[in-house]
Amino acid sequence: MTRAAAFFDLDKTIIAKSSVLAFGRPFFQGGLINRRAVLRATYVQLVYMVSGADEDQVERMRAHITAMCTGWDVAQVREIVEEALHEIVDPLIYAEAAELIEAHRAEGRDIVIVSSSGEEVVGPIGAMLGADQVLATRMVVAEGRYTGEIEFYNYGAAKAESVRAIAARKNYVLAECHGYSDSSTDLPMLEAVGHPTAVNPDKLLRRTALERGWPVLSFSNPVSLRSRIGEFPRPRPLLAGAAVGAGVAVAGLAWYSRHRAQATHR
């Protein structure tokens, strides 16, 4: 048997918003940002949802976020993310993505989240979803605080490099792997796998997918998994590339997938 994985972008593919900007309110409540920064994050989030993000927009968003977090205490950021995770992210998970994740797991594929957001945010979300690995951006830390520099920016061609690197470590056969993303900036990642799929694609990715005969999916139904199976356990901190225990999160995805199937046949 060959080993394979399903590689998922995070923002607008698994969840309905930008994962980092979604934490604007708890960061404000924790004293990390001011009201002006919250308003700006809200505006950027709105633009992102309506028009997507091309390379220039992503670069501006990256510059804004790195400037904003310079000097932040890393431990405080991790604590805020963990405490606000279910309140902020759980209601944003696309039902269609949850079903797809469970279907891949049932067929024996590992679940890998590949995101340009920071590992402090992506890791706990991956743990909540029961992902096997997360590949995310890493910031430079000195004396427990962010310097504003980026150690590794998991974006564009770098995402494809991350996918190939983990495939080599885990013995994944890329021709048997699946990839999902909403953004044309992730074309290198999608081209690296044998089964690419466009999800809620921007104009360029939609055109490319149609030209190449790739499947195009529309995810539009955010769903709260917690409301359906009860409280999730508090996720443990997770570093990019570290294994994640599936546990109750996977059980929740399985429960919801069965629930949807039963409802469809009623």
C-alpha atoms as a PDB file:
ATOM      1  CA  MET A   1       0.000   0.000   0.000  1.00  0.00           C
ATOM      2  CA  THR A   2       1.166   3.504  -0.821  1.00  0.00           C
ATOM      3  CA  ARG A   3       0.955   6.293   1.733  1.00  0.00           C
ATOM      4  CA  ALA A   4      -0.924   9.437   0.809  1.00  0.00           C
ATOM      5  CA  ALA A   5      -2.203  12.642   2.370  1.00  0.00           C
ATOM      6  CA  ALA A   6      -4.817  15.308   1.779  1.00  0.00           C
ATOM      7  CA  PHE A   7      -3.279  18.797   1.932  1.00  0.00           C
ATOM      8  CA  PHE A   8      -5.686  21.582   2.896  1.00  0.00           C
ATOM      9  CA  ASP A   9      -5.189  25.320   2.801  1.00  0.00           C
ATOM     10  CA  LEU A  10      -6.869  26.837   5.872  1.00  0.00           C
ATOM     11  CA  ASP A  11      -8.399  30.274   5.246  1.00  0.00           C
ATOM     12  CA  LYS A  12     -11.538  30.182   3.043  1.00  0.00           C
ATOM     13  CA  THR A  13     -10.914  26.478   2.412  1.00  0.00           C
ATOM     14  CA  ILE A  14     -11.534  24.915   5.839  1.00  0.00           C
ATOM     15  CA  ILE A  15     -12.695  28.027   7.689  1.00  0.00           C
ATOM     16  CA  ALA A  16     -14.719  30.956   6.392  1.00  0.00           C
ATOM     17  CA  LYS A  17     -12.316  33.776   7.368  1.00  0.00           C
ATOM     18  CA  SER A  18      -8.683  34.693   7.736  1.00  0.00           C
ATOM     19  CA  SER A  19      -7.542  32.673  10.752  1.00  0.00           C
ATOM     20  CA  VAL A  20      -5.182  35.364  12.089  1.00  0.00           C
ATOM     21  CA  LEU A  21      -7.470  38.375  11.590  1.00  0.00           C
ATOM     22  CA  ALA A  22     -10.361  36.466  13.184  1.00  0.00           C
ATOM     23  CA  PHE A  23      -8.571  36.808  16.535  1.00  0.00           C
ATOM     24  CA  GLY A  24      -8.684  40.614  16.465  1.00  0.00           C
ATOM     25  CA  ARG A  25     -11.189  40.921  19.315  1.00  0.00           C
ATOM     26  CA  PRO A  26      -9.440  38.531  21.782  1.00  0.00           C
ATOM     27  CA  PHE A  27      -6.081  40.163  20.961  1.00  0.00           C
ATOM     28  CA  PHE A  28      -7.663  43.531  21.777  1.00  0.00           C
ATOM     29  CA  GLN A  29      -9.139  42.176  24.998  1.00  0.00           C
ATOM     30  CA  GLY A  30      -5.710  40.789  25.906  1.00  0.00           C
ATOM     31  CA  GLY A  31      -4.162  44.230  25.442  1.00  0.00           C
ATOM     32  CA  LEU A  32      -2.082  43.318  22.390  1.00  0.00           C
ATOM     33  CA  ILE A  33      -3.762  45.718  19.941  1.00  0.00           C
ATOM     34  CA  ASN A  34      -5.815  48.918  20.112  1.00  0.00           C
ATOM     35  CA  ARG A  35      -9.278  49.724  18.722  1.00  0.00           C
ATOM     36  CA  ARG A  36      -7.822  51.181  15.548  1.00  0.00           C
ATOM     37  CA  ALA A  37      -6.039  47.905  14.817  1.00  0.00           C
ATOM     38  CA  VAL A  38      -9.278  45.977  15.463  1.00  0.00           C
ATOM     39  CA  LEU A  39     -11.149  48.187  12.988  1.00  0.00           C
ATOM     40  CA  ARG A  40      -8.406  47.785  10.417  1.00  0.00           C
ATOM     41  CA  ALA A  41      -8.420  44.009  10.857  1.00  0.00           C
ATOM     42  CA  THR A  42     -12.198  44.009  10.408  1.00  0.00           C
ATOM     43  CA  TYR A  43     -11.887  46.031   7.198  1.00  0.00           C
ATOM     44  CA  VAL A  44      -9.138  43.788   5.817  1.00  0.00           C
ATOM     45  CA  GLN A  45     -11.237  40.758   6.695  1.00  0.00           C
ATOM     46  CA  LEU A  46     -14.218  42.190   4.798  1.00  0.00           C
ATOM     47  CA  VAL A  47     -12.133  42.915   1.696  1.00  0.00           C
ATOM     48  CA  TYR A  48     -10.612  39.442   1.905  1.00  0.00           C
ATOM     49  CA  MET A  49     -14.034  37.767   2.078  1.00  0.00           C
ATOM     50  CA  VAL A  50     -15.537  39.800  -0.767  1.00  0.00           C
ATOM     51  CA  SER A  51     -12.692  39.914  -3.270  1.00  0.00           C
ATOM     52  CA  GLY A  52     -10.165  37.330  -2.128  1.00  0.00           C
ATOM     53  CA  ALA A  53      -6.455  38.122  -1.910  1.00  0.00           C
ATOM     54  CA  ASP A  54      -4.038  38.359  -4.797  1.00  0.00           C
ATOM     55  CA  GLU A  55      -0.273  38.397  -4.318  1.00  0.00           C
ATOM     56  CA  ASP A  56      -0.122  42.155  -3.612  1.00  0.00           C
ATOM     57  CA  GLN A  57      -2.973  41.982  -1.090  1.00  0.00           C
ATOM     58  CA  VAL A  58      -1.399  39.012   0.666  1.00  0.00           C
ATOM     59  CA  GLU A  59       1.904  40.882   0.885  1.00  0.00           C
ATOM     60  CA  ARG A  60       0.182  43.919   2.405  1.00  0.00           C
ATOM     61  CA  MET A  61      -1.644  41.664   4.862  1.00  0.00           C
ATOM     62  CA  ARG A  62       1.635  39.954   5.790  1.00  0.00           C
ATOM     63  CA  ALA A  63       3.377  43.287   6.345  1.00  0.00           C
ATOM     64  CA  HIS A  64       0.469  44.543   8.463  1.00  0.00           C
ATOM     65  CA  ILE A  65       0.385  41.433  10.644  1.00  0.00           C
ATOM     66  CA  THR A  66       4.158  41.221  11.193  1.00  0.00           C
ATOM     67  CA  ALA A  67       4.337  44.916  12.095  1.00  0.00           C
ATOM     68  CA  MET A  68       1.381  44.535  14.437  1.00  0.00           C
ATOM     69  CA  CYS A  69       2.815  41.562  16.338  1.00  0.00           C
ATOM     70  CA  THR A  70       6.360  42.891  16.752  1.00  0.00           C
ATOM     71  CA  GLY A  71       7.177  42.782  20.457  1.00  0.00           C
ATOM     72  CA  TRP A  72       4.253  40.554  21.423  1.00  0.00           C
ATOM     73  CA  ASP A  73       4.852  37.977  24.144  1.00  0.00           C
ATOM     74  CA  VAL A  74       4.696  34.559  22.474  1.00  0.00           C
ATOM     75  CA  ALA A  75       3.347  32.755  25.537  1.00  0.00           C
ATOM     76  CA  GLN A  76       0.528  35.291  25.851  1.00  0.00           C
ATOM     77  CA  VAL A  77      -0.406  34.873  22.190  1.00  0.00           C
ATOM     78  CA  ARG A  78      -0.557  31.080  22.560  1.00  0.00           C
ATOM     79  CA  GLU A  79      -2.693  31.405  25.693  1.00  0.00           C
ATOM     80  CA  ILE A  80      -5.148  33.800  24.016  1.00  0.00           C
ATOM     81  CA  VAL A  81      -5.460  31.577  20.946  1.00  0.00           C
ATOM     82  CA  GLU A  82      -6.120  28.474  23.031  1.00  0.00           C
ATOM     83  CA  GLU A  83      -8.696  30.195  25.217  1.00  0.00           C
ATOM     84  CA  ALA A  84     -10.569  31.811  22.316  1.00  0.00           C
ATOM     85  CA  LEU A  85     -10.163  28.972  19.826  1.00  0.00           C
ATOM     86  CA  HIS A  86     -13.579  27.343  20.056  1.00  0.00           C
ATOM     87  CA  GLU A  87     -15.471  30.611  20.401  1.00  0.00           C
ATOM     88  CA  ILE A  88     -13.736  32.180  17.385  1.00  0.00           C
ATOM     89  CA  VAL A  89     -12.894  29.337  14.999  1.00  0.00           C
ATOM     90  CA  ASP A  90     -15.368  26.548  15.742  1.00  0.00           C
ATOM     91  CA  PRO A  91     -18.376  28.412  14.208  1.00  0.00           C
ATOM     92  CA  LEU A  92     -16.320  29.196  11.071  1.00  0.00           C
ATOM     93  CA  ILE A  93     -15.586  25.604   9.978  1.00  0.00           C
ATOM     94  CA  TYR A  94     -17.218  24.750   6.666  1.00  0.00           C
ATOM     95  CA  ALA A  95     -19.489  21.712   7.017  1.00  0.00           C
ATOM     96  CA  GLU A  96     -18.359  20.591   3.569  1.00  0.00           C
ATOM     97  CA  ALA A  97     -14.704  20.748   4.641  1.00  0.00           C
ATOM     98  CA  ALA A  98     -15.441  18.763   7.805  1.00  0.00           C
ATOM     99  CA  GLU A  99     -17.101  16.040   5.745  1.00  0.00           C
ATOM    100  CA  LEU A 100     -14.245  15.994   3.248  1.00  0.00           C
ATOM    101  CA  ILE A 101     -11.628  15.698   5.982  1.00  0.00           C
ATOM    102  CA  GLU A 102     -13.473  12.766   7.514  1.00  0.00           C
ATOM    103  CA  ALA A 103     -13.888  11.082   4.118  1.00  0.00           C
ATOM    104  CA  HIS A 104     -10.127  11.285   3.459  1.00  0.00           C
ATOM    105  CA  ARG A 105      -9.349   9.959   6.912  1.00  0.00           C
ATOM    106  CA  ALA A 106     -11.777   7.066   6.396  1.00  0.00           C
ATOM    107  CA  GLU A 107      -9.878   6.202   3.201  1.00  0.00           C
ATOM    108  CA  GLY A 108      -6.601   6.085   5.111  1.00  0.00           C
ATOM    109  CA  ARG A 109      -5.050   9.415   4.132  1.00  0.00           C
ATOM    110  CA  ASP A 110      -3.266  11.710   6.563  1.00  0.00           C
ATOM    111  CA  ILE A 111      -4.696  15.207   6.964  1.00  0.00           C
ATOM    112  CA  VAL A 112      -2.159  18.031   6.580  1.00  0.00           C
ATOM    113  CA  ILE A 113      -3.056  21.720   6.934  1.00  0.00           C
ATOM    114  CA  VAL A 114      -0.792  23.994   4.899  1.00  0.00           C
ATOM    115  CA  SER A 115      -1.199  27.683   5.770  1.00  0.00           C
ATOM    116  CA  SER A 116       0.622  30.990   5.456  1.00  0.00           C
ATOM    117  CA  SER A 117      -0.732  31.989   8.877  1.00  0.00           C
ATOM    118  CA  GLY A 118       1.504  31.642  11.935  1.00  0.00           C
ATOM    119  CA  GLU A 119       2.026  28.304  13.613  1.00  0.00           C
ATOM    120  CA  GLU A 120       0.716  29.693  16.932  1.00  0.00           C
ATOM    121  CA  VAL A 121      -2.720  30.012  15.295  1.00  0.00           C
ATOM    122  CA  VAL A 122      -2.627  27.136  12.805  1.00  0.00           C
ATOM    123  CA  GLY A 123      -1.354  24.551  15.290  1.00  0.00           C
ATOM    124  CA  PRO A 124      -4.284  24.735  17.740  1.00  0.00           C
ATOM    125  CA  ILE A 125      -6.782  24.834  14.850  1.00  0.00           C
ATOM    126  CA  GLY A 126      -5.146  21.717  13.430  1.00  0.00           C
ATOM    127  CA  ALA A 127      -5.409  20.027  16.820  1.00  0.00           C
ATOM    128  CA  MET A 128      -9.099  20.890  17.030  1.00  0.00           C
ATOM    129  CA  LEU A 129      -9.704  19.419  13.571  1.00  0.00           C
ATOM    130  CA  GLY A 130      -7.688  16.281  14.282  1.00  0.00           C
ATOM    131  CA  ALA A 131      -5.066  17.020  11.604  1.00  0.00           C
ATOM    132  CA  ASP A 132      -1.992  14.800  11.504  1.00  0.00           C
ATOM    133  CA  GLN A 133       0.381  17.644  10.613  1.00  0.00           C
ATOM    134  CA  VAL A 134       0.365  21.403  10.192  1.00  0.00           C
ATOM    135  CA  LEU A 135       2.757  23.360   7.983  1.00  0.00           C
ATOM    136  CA  ALA A 136       2.705  27.076   8.801  1.00  0.00           C
ATOM    137  CA  THR A 137       4.675  30.313   8.860  1.00  0.00           C
ATOM    138  CA  ARG A 138       7.260  30.643  11.619  1.00  0.00           C
ATOM    139  CA  MET A 139       8.192  33.995  13.163  1.00  0.00           C
ATOM    140  CA  VAL A 140      11.572  34.807  14.701  1.00  0.00           C
ATOM    141  CA  VAL A 141      11.429  34.885  18.512  1.00  0.00           C
ATOM    142  CA  ALA A 142      13.986  36.488  20.821  1.00  0.00           C
ATOM    143  CA  GLU A 143      13.677  36.417  24.611  1.00  0.00           C
ATOM    144  CA  GLY A 144      10.126  35.155  24.325  1.00  0.00           C
ATOM    145  CA  ARG A 145       8.905  37.933  22.011  1.00  0.00           C
ATOM    146  CA  TYR A 146       8.376  38.293  18.272  1.00  0.00           C
ATOM    147  CA  THR A 147      11.063  40.383  16.592  1.00  0.00           C
ATOM    148  CA  GLY A 148       8.898  41.162  13.544  1.00  0.00           C
ATOM    149  CA  GLU A 149      11.127  39.052  11.299  1.00  0.00           C
ATOM    150  CA  ILE A 150       9.949  35.887   9.573  1.00  0.00           C
ATOM    151  CA  GLU A 151      11.967  32.704   9.891  1.00  0.00           C
ATOM    152  CA  PHE A 152       9.937  30.841   7.242  1.00  0.00           C
ATOM    153  CA  TYR A 153       7.077  32.275   5.200  1.00  0.00           C
ATOM    154  CA  ASN A 154       4.879  29.369   4.133  1.00  0.00           C
ATOM    155  CA  TYR A 155       3.422  31.076   1.090  1.00  0.00           C
ATOM    156  CA  GLY A 156       3.321  30.532  -2.675  1.00  0.00           C
ATOM    157  CA  ALA A 157       6.130  28.314  -3.902  1.00  0.00           C
ATOM    158  CA  ALA A 158       7.228  27.742  -0.291  1.00  0.00           C
ATOM    159  CA  LYS A 159       3.995  25.822   0.331  1.00  0.00           C
ATOM    160  CA  ALA A 160       4.908  23.415  -2.456  1.00  0.00           C
ATOM    161  CA  GLU A 161       8.369  23.023  -0.941  1.00  0.00           C
ATOM    162  CA  SER A 162       6.781  22.253   2.449  1.00  0.00           C
ATOM    163  CA  VAL A 163       4.521  19.645   0.843  1.00  0.00           C
ATOM    164  CA  ARG A 164       7.405  17.967  -0.963  1.00  0.00           C
ATOM    165  CA  ALA A 165       9.546  17.992   2.187  1.00  0.00           C
ATOM    166  CA  ILE A 166       6.914  16.337   4.362  1.00  0.00           C
ATOM    167  CA  ALA A 167       6.126  13.864   1.579  1.00  0.00           C
ATOM    168  CA  ALA A 168       9.777  12.818   1.602  1.00  0.00           C
ATOM    169  CA  ARG A 169       9.775  12.448   5.405  1.00  0.00           C
ATOM    170  CA  LYS A 170       6.471  10.568   5.570  1.00  0.00           C
ATOM    171  CA  ASN A 171       6.911   8.565   2.356  1.00  0.00           C
ATOM    172  CA  TYR A 172       3.789  10.044   0.778  1.00  0.00           C
ATOM    173  CA  VAL A 173       3.372   9.333  -2.920  1.00  0.00           C
ATOM    174  CA  LEU A 174       2.493  12.798  -4.213  1.00  0.00           C
ATOM    175  CA  ALA A 175       0.752  11.381  -7.283  1.00  0.00           C
ATOM    176  CA  GLU A 176      -1.736   9.775  -4.883  1.00  0.00           C
ATOM    177  CA  CYS A 177      -2.155  12.870  -2.711  1.00  0.00           C
ATOM    178  CA  HIS A 178      -4.977  15.431  -2.800  1.00  0.00           C
ATOM    179  CA  GLY A 179      -4.729  19.209  -2.468  1.00  0.00           C
ATOM    180  CA  TYR A 180      -7.360  21.866  -1.724  1.00  0.00           C
ATOM    181  CA  SER A 181      -7.146  25.655  -1.855  1.00  0.00           C
ATOM    182  CA  ASP A 182      -9.127  28.784  -2.703  1.00  0.00           C
ATOM    183  CA  SER A 183      -6.243  30.932  -3.925  1.00  0.00           C
ATOM    184  CA  SER A 184      -4.250  31.139  -7.148  1.00  0.00           C
ATOM    185  CA  THR A 185      -1.207  31.847  -4.968  1.00  0.00           C
ATOM    186  CA  ASP A 186      -1.407  28.174  -3.983  1.00  0.00           C
ATOM    187  CA  LEU A 187      -1.067  26.905  -7.557  1.00  0.00           C
ATOM    188  CA  PRO A 188       2.445  25.544  -6.840  1.00  0.00           C
ATOM    189  CA  MET A 189       1.031  23.427  -3.983  1.00  0.00           C
ATOM    190  CA  LEU A 190      -1.871  22.188  -6.086  1.00  0.00           C
ATOM    191  CA  GLU A 191       0.459  21.351  -8.956  1.00  0.00           C
ATOM    192  CA  ALA A 192       2.633  19.294  -6.597  1.00  0.00           C
ATOM    193  CA  VAL A 193      -0.094  16.698  -5.943  1.00  0.00           C
ATOM    194  CA  GLY A 194      -1.833  14.247  -8.224  1.00  0.00           C
ATOM    195  CA  HIS A 195      -5.379  15.286  -7.293  1.00  0.00           C
ATOM    196  CA  PRO A 196      -5.742  19.087  -7.012  1.00  0.00           C
ATOM    197  CA  THR A 197      -9.120  20.693  -6.246  1.00  0.00           C
ATOM    198  CA  ALA A 198     -10.153  24.349  -6.217  1.00  0.00           C
ATOM    199  CA  VAL A 199     -12.391  25.364  -3.297  1.00  0.00           C
ATOM    200  CA  ASN A 200     -14.228  28.717  -3.406  1.00  0.00           C
ATOM    201  CA  PRO A 201     -11.593  29.749  -5.975  1.00  0.00           C
ATOM    202  CA  ASP A 202     -10.561  33.261  -6.923  1.00  0.00           C
ATOM    203  CA  LYS A 203     -10.906  34.202 -10.605  1.00  0.00           C
ATOM    204  CA  LEU A 204      -7.456  33.051 -11.680  1.00  0.00           C
ATOM    205  CA  LEU A 205      -7.650  29.736  -9.842  1.00  0.00           C
ATOM    206  CA  ARG A 206     -11.165  29.075 -11.195  1.00  0.00           C
ATOM    207  CA  ARG A 207      -9.987  29.740 -14.753  1.00  0.00           C
ATOM    208  CA  THR A 208      -6.913  27.563 -14.271  1.00  0.00           C
ATOM    209  CA  ALA A 209      -8.954  24.728 -12.748  1.00  0.00           C
ATOM    210  CA  LEU A 210     -11.439  24.771 -15.621  1.00  0.00           C
ATOM    211  CA  GLU A 211      -8.646  24.820 -18.201  1.00  0.00           C
ATOM    212  CA  ARG A 212      -6.917  21.842 -16.568  1.00  0.00           C
ATOM    213  CA  GLY A 213     -10.044  19.876 -15.718  1.00  0.00           C
ATOM    214  CA  TRP A 214      -9.612  20.117 -11.939  1.00  0.00           C
ATOM    215  CA  PRO A 215     -12.683  19.756  -9.721  1.00  0.00           C
ATOM    216  CA  VAL A 216     -14.157  23.019  -8.411  1.00  0.00           C
ATOM    217  CA  LEU A 217     -16.023  22.919  -5.081  1.00  0.00           C
ATOM    218  CA  SER A 218     -18.157  25.539  -3.373  1.00  0.00           C
ATOM    219  CA  PHE A 219     -18.144  25.555   0.436  1.00  0.00           C
ATOM    220  CA  SER A 220     -20.737  27.885   1.946  1.00  0.00           C
ATOM    221  CA  ASN A 221     -22.077  26.386   5.169  1.00  0.00           C
ATOM    222  CA  PRO A 222     -20.048  27.178   8.318  1.00  0.00           C
ATOM    223  CA  VAL A 223     -20.993  24.811  11.127  1.00  0.00           C
ATOM    224  CA  SER A 224     -20.181  24.541  14.819  1.00  0.00           C
ATOM    225  CA  LEU A 225     -18.905  21.047  15.556  1.00  0.00           C
ATOM    226  CA  ARG A 226     -18.835  21.748  19.297  1.00  0.00           C
ATOM    227  CA  SER A 227     -22.568  22.479  19.387  1.00  0.00           C
ATOM    228  CA  ARG A 228     -23.218  19.020  17.957  1.00  0.00           C
ATOM    229  CA  ILE A 229     -20.961  16.835  20.089  1.00  0.00           C
ATOM    230  CA  GLY A 230     -20.454  18.870  23.279  1.00  0.00           C
ATOM    231  CA  GLU A 231     -17.280  20.457  24.587  1.00  0.00           C
ATOM    232  CA  PHE A 232     -13.967  19.686  22.940  1.00  0.00           C
ATOM    233  CA  PRO A 233     -10.960  19.012  25.158  1.00  0.00           C
ATOM    234  CA  ARG A 234      -8.579  21.936  25.542  1.00  0.00           C
ATOM    235  CA  PRO A 235      -6.037  21.522  22.711  1.00  0.00           C
ATOM    236  CA  ARG A 236      -2.400  21.246  23.620  1.00  0.00           C
ATOM    237  CA  PRO A 237       0.101  23.698  22.059  1.00  0.00           C
ATOM    238  CA  LEU A 238       1.344  22.438  18.711  1.00  0.00           C
ATOM    239  CA  LEU A 239       4.386  23.277  16.606  1.00  0.00           C
ATOM    240  CA  ALA A 240       4.360  23.223  12.830  1.00  0.00           C
ATOM    241  CA  GLY A 241       5.049  19.731  11.538  1.00  0.00           C
ATOM    242  CA  ALA A 242       4.293  18.061  14.878  1.00  0.00           C
ATOM    243  CA  ALA A 243       1.875  15.156  15.044  1.00  0.00           C
ATOM    244  CA  VAL A 244      -1.613  15.946  16.296  1.00  0.00           C
ATOM    245  CA  GLY A 245      -3.766  13.511  18.253  1.00  0.00           C
ATOM    246  CA  ALA A 246      -7.114  13.039  16.501  1.00  0.00           C
ATOM    247  CA  GLY A 247      -9.233  12.192  19.553  1.00  0.00           C
ATOM    248  CA  VAL A 248     -12.577  13.844  20.016  1.00  0.00           C
ATOM    249  CA  ALA A 249     -12.078  16.181  17.055  1.00  0.00           C
ATOM    250  CA  VAL A 250     -12.081  13.260  14.620  1.00  0.00           C
ATOM    251  CA  ALA A 251     -15.030  11.718  16.401  1.00  0.00           C
ATOM    252  CA  GLY A 252     -16.842  15.021  15.950  1.00  0.00           C
ATOM    253  CA  LEU A 253     -16.135  15.094  12.230  1.00  0.00           C
ATOM    254  CA  ALA A 254     -17.312  11.510  11.890  1.00  0.00           C
ATOM    255  CA  TRP A 255     -20.474  12.237  13.881  1.00  0.00           C
ATOM    256  CA  TYR A 256     -21.287  15.262  11.758  1.00  0.00           C
ATOM    257  CA  SER A 257     -20.643  13.400   8.503  1.00  0.00           C
ATOM    258  CA  ARG A 258     -23.016  10.605   9.561  1.00  0.00           C
ATOM    259  CA  HIS A 259     -25.578  13.143  10.772  1.00  0.00           C
ATOM    260  CA  ARG A 260     -25.570  14.923   7.418  1.00  0.00           C
ATOM    261  CA  ALA A 261     -25.890  11.641   5.540  1.00  0.00           C
ATOM    262  CA  GLN A 262     -28.865  10.568   7.647  1.00  0.00           C
ATOM    263  CA  ALA A 263     -30.548  13.947   7.206  1.00  0.00           C
ATOM    264  CA  THR A 264     -30.070  13.770   3.425  1.00  0.00           C
ATOM    265  CA  HIS A 265     -31.853  10.420   3.199  1.00  0.00           C
ATOM    266  CA  ARG A 266     -34.801  11.343   5.395  1.00  0.00           C
END
